[in-house]
Amino acid sequence: MADRLHLKFGMAKEVALDDPKCIEIYRRYRALRTGVGLLNGDDTPEAKLLLCELIDALGGRIVNEWTGETMTKEAAKRYVMGR
């Protein structure tokens, strides 16, 4: 299975990861998503940085969940950071 990341609302919506480095980054990202950010529907700045780190490490497809289109790493990071 190839690594895959789906983004929606600038956050990770669905993931499929095989790479151990990506799995560890995602685990850290999810740990941050259990706090205030999860309650207000927004990622913390730290969580956004980890998601960008995951995007950089990802060797597979990044998908915009709204459109189904593949995103470049740069476009995905801008989306996550809200720019």
PDB file of N, CA and C in Angstrom:
ATOM      1  N   MET A   1       0.854  -1.178   0.000  1.00  0.00           N
ATOM      2  CA  MET A   1       0.000   0.000   0.000  1.00  0.00           C
ATOM      3  C   MET A   1       0.895   1.235   0.000  1.00  0.00           C
ATOM      4  N   ALA A   2       0.590   2.177  -0.821  1.00  0.00           N
ATOM      5  CA  ALA A   2       1.346   3.431  -0.876  1.00  0.00           C
ATOM      6  C   ALA A   2       0.809   4.395   0.178  1.00  0.00           C
ATOM      7  N   ASP A   3       1.693   5.203   0.737  1.00  0.00           N
ATOM      8  CA  ASP A   3       1.274   6.215   1.697  1.00  0.00           C
ATOM      9  C   ASP A   3       0.308   7.181   1.016  1.00  0.00           C
ATOM     10  N   ARG A   4      -0.710   7.585   1.776  1.00  0.00           N
ATOM     11  CA  ARG A   4      -1.722   8.490   1.231  1.00  0.00           C
ATOM     12  C   ARG A   4      -2.248   9.364   2.364  1.00  0.00           C
ATOM     13  N   LEU A   5      -2.514  10.615   2.054  1.00  0.00           N
ATOM     14  CA  LEU A   5      -3.036  11.575   3.023  1.00  0.00           C
ATOM     15  C   LEU A   5      -4.156  12.369   2.371  1.00  0.00           C
ATOM     16  N   HIS A   6      -5.315  12.383   3.020  1.00  0.00           N
ATOM     17  CA  HIS A   6      -6.439  13.196   2.565  1.00  0.00           C
ATOM     18  C   HIS A   6      -6.595  14.362   3.532  1.00  0.00           C
ATOM     19  N   LEU A   7      -6.756  15.556   2.994  1.00  0.00           N
ATOM     20  CA  LEU A   7      -6.901  16.771   3.803  1.00  0.00           C
ATOM     21  C   LEU A   7      -8.290  17.367   3.625  1.00  0.00           C
ATOM     22  N   LYS A   8      -8.858  17.830   4.738  1.00  0.00           N
ATOM     23  CA  LYS A   8     -10.144  18.527   4.709  1.00  0.00           C
ATOM     24  C   LYS A   8     -10.129  19.545   5.845  1.00  0.00           C
ATOM     25  N   PHE A   9     -10.585  20.746   5.576  1.00  0.00           N
ATOM     26  CA  PHE A   9     -10.546  21.839   6.555  1.00  0.00           C
ATOM     27  C   PHE A   9      -9.111  22.105   7.012  1.00  0.00           C
ATOM     28  N   GLY A  10      -8.123  21.783   6.188  1.00  0.00           N
ATOM     29  CA  GLY A  10      -6.732  22.006   6.537  1.00  0.00           C
ATOM     30  C   GLY A  10      -6.173  21.003   7.527  1.00  0.00           C
ATOM     31  N   MET A  11      -6.909  19.930   7.767  1.00  0.00           N
ATOM     32  CA  MET A  11      -6.492  18.910   8.731  1.00  0.00           C
ATOM     33  C   MET A  11      -6.478  17.533   8.054  1.00  0.00           C
ATOM     34  N   ALA A  12      -5.797  16.594   8.695  1.00  0.00           N
ATOM     35  CA  ALA A  12      -5.760  15.228   8.174  1.00  0.00           C
ATOM     36  C   ALA A  12      -7.138  14.601   8.357  1.00  0.00           C
ATOM     37  N   LYS A  13      -7.724  14.168   7.254  1.00  0.00           N
ATOM     38  CA  LYS A  13      -9.053  13.548   7.289  1.00  0.00           C
ATOM     39  C   LYS A  13      -8.935  12.032   7.240  1.00  0.00           C
ATOM     40  N   GLU A  14      -8.066  11.553   6.361  1.00  0.00           N
ATOM     41  CA  GLU A  14      -7.880  10.112   6.181  1.00  0.00           C
ATOM     42  C   GLU A  14      -6.415   9.868   5.844  1.00  0.00           C
ATOM     43  N   VAL A  15      -5.849   8.832   6.421  1.00  0.00           N
ATOM     44  CA  VAL A  15      -4.458   8.507   6.142  1.00  0.00           C
ATOM     45  C   VAL A  15      -4.308   7.005   5.924  1.00  0.00           C
ATOM     46  N   ALA A  16      -3.322   6.660   5.111  1.00  0.00           N
ATOM     47  CA  ALA A  16      -2.888   5.275   4.929  1.00  0.00           C
ATOM     48  C   ALA A  16      -1.368   5.350   4.858  1.00  0.00           C
ATOM     49  N   LEU A  17      -0.716   4.863   5.889  1.00  0.00           N
ATOM     50  CA  LEU A  17       0.731   5.026   5.990  1.00  0.00           C
ATOM     51  C   LEU A  17       1.427   3.686   6.187  1.00  0.00           C
ATOM     52  N   ASP A  18       2.530   3.494   5.471  1.00  0.00           N
ATOM     53  CA  ASP A  18       3.398   2.330   5.642  1.00  0.00           C
ATOM     54  C   ASP A  18       4.764   2.735   6.172  1.00  0.00           C
ATOM     55  N   ASP A  19       5.219   3.917   5.790  1.00  0.00           N
ATOM     56  CA  ASP A  19       6.555   4.375   6.158  1.00  0.00           C
ATOM     57  C   ASP A  19       6.632   4.628   7.662  1.00  0.00           C
ATOM     58  N   PRO A  20       7.579   3.989   8.359  1.00  0.00           N
ATOM     59  CA  PRO A  20       7.683   4.163   9.813  1.00  0.00           C
ATOM     60  C   PRO A  20       7.869   5.614  10.245  1.00  0.00           C
ATOM     61  N   LYS A  21       8.628   6.390   9.491  1.00  0.00           N
ATOM     62  CA  LYS A  21       8.821   7.811   9.823  1.00  0.00           C
ATOM     63  C   LYS A  21       7.491   8.558   9.747  1.00  0.00           C
ATOM     64  N   CYS A  22       6.717   8.305   8.703  1.00  0.00           N
ATOM     65  CA  CYS A  22       5.411   8.959   8.545  1.00  0.00           C
ATOM     66  C   CYS A  22       4.450   8.534   9.656  1.00  0.00           C
ATOM     67  N   ILE A  23       4.488   7.258  10.017  1.00  0.00           N
ATOM     68  CA  ILE A  23       3.622   6.759  11.080  1.00  0.00           C
ATOM     69  C   ILE A  23       3.935   7.461  12.397  1.00  0.00           C
ATOM     70  N   GLU A  24       5.211   7.647  12.698  1.00  0.00           N
ATOM     71  CA  GLU A  24       5.608   8.312  13.939  1.00  0.00           C
ATOM     72  C   GLU A  24       5.181   9.785  13.941  1.00  0.00           C
ATOM     73  N   ILE A  25       5.372  10.467  12.829  1.00  0.00           N
ATOM     74  CA  ILE A  25       4.948  11.880  12.745  1.00  0.00           C
ATOM     75  C   ILE A  25       3.444  11.971  12.926  1.00  0.00           C
ATOM     76  N   TYR A  26       2.690  11.093  12.274  1.00  0.00           N
ATOM     77  CA  TYR A  26       1.223  11.114  12.380  1.00  0.00           C
ATOM     78  C   TYR A  26       0.777  10.803  13.809  1.00  0.00           C
ATOM     79  N   ARG A  27       1.466   9.889  14.479  1.00  0.00           N
ATOM     80  CA  ARG A  27       1.139   9.567  15.866  1.00  0.00           C
ATOM     81  C   ARG A  27       1.292  10.813  16.741  1.00  0.00           C
ATOM     82  N   ARG A  28       2.359  11.563  16.533  1.00  0.00           N
ATOM     83  CA  ARG A  28       2.580  12.797  17.291  1.00  0.00           C
ATOM     84  C   ARG A  28       1.520  13.844  16.953  1.00  0.00           C
ATOM     85  N   TYR A  29       1.154  13.941  15.676  1.00  0.00           N
ATOM     86  CA  TYR A  29       0.094  14.862  15.240  1.00  0.00           C
ATOM     87  C   TYR A  29      -1.226  14.521  15.941  1.00  0.00           C
ATOM     88  N   ARG A  30      -1.584  13.239  15.944  1.00  0.00           N
ATOM     89  CA  ARG A  30      -2.850  12.819  16.559  1.00  0.00           C
ATOM     90  C   ARG A  30      -2.857  13.096  18.068  1.00  0.00           C
ATOM     91  N   ALA A  31      -1.708  12.948  18.698  1.00  0.00           N
ATOM     92  CA  ALA A  31      -1.624  13.227  20.133  1.00  0.00           C
ATOM     93  C   ALA A  31      -1.962  14.690  20.417  1.00  0.00           C
ATOM     94  N   LEU A  32      -1.564  15.585  19.540  1.00  0.00           N
ATOM     95  CA  LEU A  32      -1.890  17.008  19.710  1.00  0.00           C
ATOM     96  C   LEU A  32      -3.351  17.298  19.402  1.00  0.00           C
ATOM     97  N   ARG A  33      -3.975  16.455  18.603  1.00  0.00           N
ATOM     98  CA  ARG A  33      -5.374  16.663  18.204  1.00  0.00           C
ATOM     99  C   ARG A  33      -6.355  16.270  19.298  1.00  0.00           C
ATOM    100  N   THR A  34      -5.883  15.765  20.425  1.00  0.00           N
ATOM    101  CA  THR A  34      -6.793  15.338  21.479  1.00  0.00           C
ATOM    102  C   THR A  34      -7.155  16.463  22.439  1.00  0.00           C
ATOM    103  N   GLY A  35      -6.510  17.614  22.298  1.00  0.00           N
ATOM    104  CA  GLY A  35      -6.744  18.715  23.230  1.00  0.00           C
ATOM    105  C   GLY A  35      -7.742  19.727  22.715  1.00  0.00           C
ATOM    106  N   VAL A  36      -7.456  20.973  22.995  1.00  0.00           N
ATOM    107  CA  VAL A  36      -8.341  22.089  22.658  1.00  0.00           C
ATOM    108  C   VAL A  36      -8.626  22.155  21.168  1.00  0.00           C
ATOM    109  N   GLY A  37      -7.625  21.882  20.345  1.00  0.00           N
ATOM    110  CA  GLY A  37      -7.816  21.952  18.899  1.00  0.00           C
ATOM    111  C   GLY A  37      -8.930  21.057  18.423  1.00  0.00           C
ATOM    112  N   LEU A  38      -9.058  19.902  19.014  1.00  0.00           N
ATOM    113  CA  LEU A  38     -10.114  18.982  18.624  1.00  0.00           C
ATOM    114  C   LEU A  38     -11.484  19.534  19.005  1.00  0.00           C
ATOM    115  N   LEU A  39     -11.563  20.194  20.147  1.00  0.00           N
ATOM    116  CA  LEU A  39     -12.835  20.732  20.608  1.00  0.00           C
ATOM    117  C   LEU A  39     -13.324  21.890  19.754  1.00  0.00           C
ATOM    118  N   ASN A  40     -12.403  22.753  19.325  1.00  0.00           N
ATOM    119  CA  ASN A  40     -12.847  23.904  18.542  1.00  0.00           C
ATOM    120  C   ASN A  40     -12.728  23.681  17.038  1.00  0.00           C
ATOM    121  N   GLY A  41     -12.347  22.468  16.638  1.00  0.00           N
ATOM    122  CA  GLY A  41     -12.302  22.135  15.223  1.00  0.00           C
ATOM    123  C   GLY A  41     -11.109  22.695  14.486  1.00  0.00           C
ATOM    124  N   ASP A  42     -10.092  23.096  15.224  1.00  0.00           N
ATOM    125  CA  ASP A  42      -8.916  23.699  14.610  1.00  0.00           C
ATOM    126  C   ASP A  42      -7.663  23.026  15.134  1.00  0.00           C
ATOM    127  N   ASP A  43      -6.657  22.901  14.291  1.00  0.00           N
ATOM    128  CA  ASP A  43      -5.363  22.399  14.741  1.00  0.00           C
ATOM    129  C   ASP A  43      -4.586  23.505  15.432  1.00  0.00           C
ATOM    130  N   THR A  44      -3.799  23.127  16.413  1.00  0.00           N
ATOM    131  CA  THR A  44      -2.892  24.071  17.060  1.00  0.00           C
ATOM    132  C   THR A  44      -1.756  24.378  16.081  1.00  0.00           C
ATOM    133  N   PRO A  45      -1.027  25.469  16.314  1.00  0.00           N
ATOM    134  CA  PRO A  45       0.127  25.749  15.454  1.00  0.00           C
ATOM    135  C   PRO A  45       1.130  24.587  15.429  1.00  0.00           C
ATOM    136  N   GLU A  46       1.326  23.936  16.586  1.00  0.00           N
ATOM    137  CA  GLU A  46       2.252  22.799  16.644  1.00  0.00           C
ATOM    138  C   GLU A  46       1.758  21.634  15.798  1.00  0.00           C
ATOM    139  N   ALA A  47       0.448  21.387  15.837  1.00  0.00           N
ATOM    140  CA  ALA A  47      -0.127  20.303  15.044  1.00  0.00           C
ATOM    141  C   ALA A  47       0.007  20.611  13.552  1.00  0.00           C
ATOM    142  N   LYS A  48      -0.195  21.867  13.181  1.00  0.00           N
ATOM    143  CA  LYS A  48      -0.046  22.246  11.770  1.00  0.00           C
ATOM    144  C   LYS A  48       1.381  22.021  11.295  1.00  0.00           C
ATOM    145  N   LEU A  49       2.355  22.365  12.136  1.00  0.00           N
ATOM    146  CA  LEU A  49       3.757  22.142  11.768  1.00  0.00           C
ATOM    147  C   LEU A  49       4.065  20.661  11.615  1.00  0.00           C
ATOM    148  N   LEU A  50       3.509  19.827  12.500  1.00  0.00           N
ATOM    149  CA  LEU A  50       3.712  18.384  12.371  1.00  0.00           C
ATOM    150  C   LEU A  50       3.064  17.844  11.099  1.00  0.00           C
ATOM    151  N   LEU A  51       1.889  18.356  10.765  1.00  0.00           N
ATOM    152  CA  LEU A  51       1.228  17.910   9.539  1.00  0.00           C
ATOM    153  C   LEU A  51       2.054  18.309   8.319  1.00  0.00           C
ATOM    154  N   CYS A  52       2.656  19.481   8.348  1.00  0.00           N
ATOM    155  CA  CYS A  52       3.547  19.897   7.258  1.00  0.00           C
ATOM    156  C   CYS A  52       4.783  19.000   7.203  1.00  0.00           C
ATOM    157  N   GLU A  53       5.281  18.602   8.360  1.00  0.00           N
ATOM    158  CA  GLU A  53       6.413  17.669   8.405  1.00  0.00           C
ATOM    159  C   GLU A  53       6.016  16.330   7.782  1.00  0.00           C
ATOM    160  N   LEU A  54       4.799  15.877   8.082  1.00  0.00           N
ATOM    161  CA  LEU A  54       4.298  14.637   7.487  1.00  0.00           C
ATOM    162  C   LEU A  54       4.191  14.777   5.972  1.00  0.00           C
ATOM    163  N   ILE A  55       3.679  15.899   5.515  1.00  0.00           N
ATOM    164  CA  ILE A  55       3.546  16.142   4.070  1.00  0.00           C
ATOM    165  C   ILE A  55       4.921  16.067   3.410  1.00  0.00           C
ATOM    166  N   ASP A  56       5.922  16.681   4.024  1.00  0.00           N
ATOM    167  CA  ASP A  56       7.279  16.633   3.465  1.00  0.00           C
ATOM    168  C   ASP A  56       7.830  15.212   3.411  1.00  0.00           C
ATOM    169  N   ALA A  57       7.524  14.404   4.426  1.00  0.00           N
ATOM    170  CA  ALA A  57       8.055  13.041   4.499  1.00  0.00           C
ATOM    171  C   ALA A  57       7.279  12.054   3.636  1.00  0.00           C
ATOM    172  N   LEU A  58       6.052  12.408   3.279  1.00  0.00           N
ATOM    173  CA  LEU A  58       5.167  11.492   2.566  1.00  0.00           C
ATOM    174  C   LEU A  58       5.666  11.209   1.153  1.00  0.00           C
ATOM    175  N   GLY A  59       5.703   9.944   0.808  1.00  0.00           N
ATOM    176  CA  GLY A  59       6.113   9.554  -0.536  1.00  0.00           C
ATOM    177  C   GLY A  59       4.941   9.273  -1.449  1.00  0.00           C
ATOM    178  N   GLY A  60       3.739   9.344  -0.919  1.00  0.00           N
ATOM    179  CA  GLY A  60       2.555   8.997  -1.699  1.00  0.00           C
ATOM    180  C   GLY A  60       1.705  10.199  -2.055  1.00  0.00           C
ATOM    181  N   ARG A  61       0.454   9.933  -2.266  1.00  0.00           N
ATOM    182  CA  ARG A  61      -0.505  10.905  -2.779  1.00  0.00           C
ATOM    183  C   ARG A  61      -1.102  11.750  -1.649  1.00  0.00           C
ATOM    184  N   ILE A  62      -1.277  13.042  -1.933  1.00  0.00           N
ATOM    185  CA  ILE A  62      -1.969  13.958  -1.034  1.00  0.00           C
ATOM    186  C   ILE A  62      -3.228  14.410  -1.765  1.00  0.00           C
ATOM    187  N   VAL A  63      -4.381  14.234  -1.123  1.00  0.00           N
ATOM    188  CA  VAL A  63      -5.661  14.468  -1.789  1.00  0.00           C
ATOM    189  C   VAL A  63      -6.454  15.545  -1.062  1.00  0.00           C
ATOM    190  N   ASN A  64      -7.022  16.470  -1.835  1.00  0.00           N
ATOM    191  CA  ASN A  64      -7.977  17.432  -1.303  1.00  0.00           C
ATOM    192  C   ASN A  64      -9.308  16.692  -1.195  1.00  0.00           C
ATOM    193  N   GLU A  65      -9.768  16.481   0.013  1.00  0.00           N
ATOM    194  CA  GLU A  65     -10.988  15.700   0.250  1.00  0.00           C
ATOM    195  C   GLU A  65     -12.220  16.341  -0.391  1.00  0.00           C
ATOM    196  N   TRP A  66     -12.221  17.655  -0.536  1.00  0.00           N
ATOM    197  CA  TRP A  66     -13.372  18.347  -1.137  1.00  0.00           C
ATOM    198  C   TRP A  66     -13.492  18.057  -2.627  1.00  0.00           C
ATOM    199  N   THR A  67     -12.359  18.072  -3.333  1.00  0.00           N
ATOM    200  CA  THR A  67     -12.391  17.956  -4.792  1.00  0.00           C
ATOM    201  C   THR A  67     -11.954  16.601  -5.307  1.00  0.00           C
ATOM    202  N   GLY A  68     -11.246  15.835  -4.484  1.00  0.00           N
ATOM    203  CA  GLY A  68     -10.700  14.556  -4.933  1.00  0.00           C
ATOM    204  C   GLY A  68      -9.419  14.708  -5.744  1.00  0.00           C
ATOM    205  N   GLU A  69      -8.957  15.943  -5.892  1.00  0.00           N
ATOM    206  CA  GLU A  69      -7.765  16.202  -6.701  1.00  0.00           C
ATOM    207  C   GLU A  69      -6.490  16.007  -5.897  1.00  0.00           C
ATOM    208  N   THR A  70      -5.448  15.568  -6.593  1.00  0.00           N
ATOM    209  CA  THR A  70      -4.135  15.422  -5.980  1.00  0.00           C
ATOM    210  C   THR A  70      -3.516  16.795  -5.790  1.00  0.00           C
ATOM    211  N   MET A  71      -2.905  16.993  -4.631  1.00  0.00           N
ATOM    212  CA  MET A  71      -2.264  18.265  -4.313  1.00  0.00           C
ATOM    213  C   MET A  71      -0.752  18.084  -4.320  1.00  0.00           C
ATOM    214  N   THR A  72      -0.034  19.132  -4.708  1.00  0.00           N
ATOM    215  CA  THR A  72       1.418  19.120  -4.551  1.00  0.00           C
ATOM    216  C   THR A  72       1.729  19.294  -3.069  1.00  0.00           C
ATOM    217  N   LYS A  73       2.949  18.984  -2.685  1.00  0.00           N
ATOM    218  CA  LYS A  73       3.342  19.159  -1.290  1.00  0.00           C
ATOM    219  C   LYS A  73       3.244  20.634  -0.887  1.00  0.00           C
ATOM    220  N   GLU A  74       3.684  21.515  -1.758  1.00  0.00           N
ATOM    221  CA  GLU A  74       3.638  22.951  -1.441  1.00  0.00           C
ATOM    222  C   GLU A  74       2.200  23.438  -1.290  1.00  0.00           C
ATOM    223  N   ALA A  75       1.314  23.022  -2.191  1.00  0.00           N
ATOM    224  CA  ALA A  75      -0.093  23.427  -2.096  1.00  0.00           C
ATOM    225  C   ALA A  75      -0.733  22.858  -0.823  1.00  0.00           C
ATOM    226  N   ALA A  76      -0.394  21.638  -0.482  1.00  0.00           N
ATOM    227  CA  ALA A  76      -0.934  21.005   0.723  1.00  0.00           C
ATOM    228  C   ALA A  76      -0.479  21.753   1.973  1.00  0.00           C
ATOM    229  N   LYS A  77       0.783  22.145   2.018  1.00  0.00           N
ATOM    230  CA  LYS A  77       1.291  22.862   3.190  1.00  0.00           C
ATOM    231  C   LYS A  77       0.638  24.251   3.301  1.00  0.00           C
ATOM    232  N   ARG A  78       0.431  24.924   2.186  1.00  0.00           N
ATOM    233  CA  ARG A  78      -0.269  26.222   2.222  1.00  0.00           C
ATOM    234  C   ARG A  78      -1.693  26.034   2.744  1.00  0.00           C
ATOM    235  N   TYR A  79      -2.359  24.988   2.300  1.00  0.00           N
ATOM    236  CA  TYR A  79      -3.725  24.678   2.731  1.00  0.00           C
ATOM    237  C   TYR A  79      -3.762  24.428   4.250  1.00  0.00           C
ATOM    238  N   VAL A  80      -2.840  23.638   4.735  1.00  0.00           N
ATOM    239  CA  VAL A  80      -2.761  23.324   6.165  1.00  0.00           C
ATOM    240  C   VAL A  80      -2.497  24.579   6.988  1.00  0.00           C
ATOM    241  N   MET A  81      -1.601  25.423   6.521  1.00  0.00           N
ATOM    242  CA  MET A  81      -1.234  26.622   7.266  1.00  0.00           C
ATOM    243  C   MET A  81      -2.236  27.763   7.079  1.00  0.00           C
ATOM    244  N   GLY A  82      -3.231  27.563   6.229  1.00  0.00           N
ATOM    245  CA  GLY A  82      -4.276  28.570   6.049  1.00  0.00           C
ATOM    246  C   GLY A  82      -3.873  29.722   5.157  1.00  0.00           C
ATOM    247  N   ARG A  83      -2.949  29.466   4.229  1.00  0.00           N
ATOM    248  CA  ARG A  83      -2.504  30.526   3.313  1.00  0.00           C
ATOM    249  C   ARG A  83      -2.899  30.219   1.902  1.00  0.00           C
TER     250      ARG A  83
END
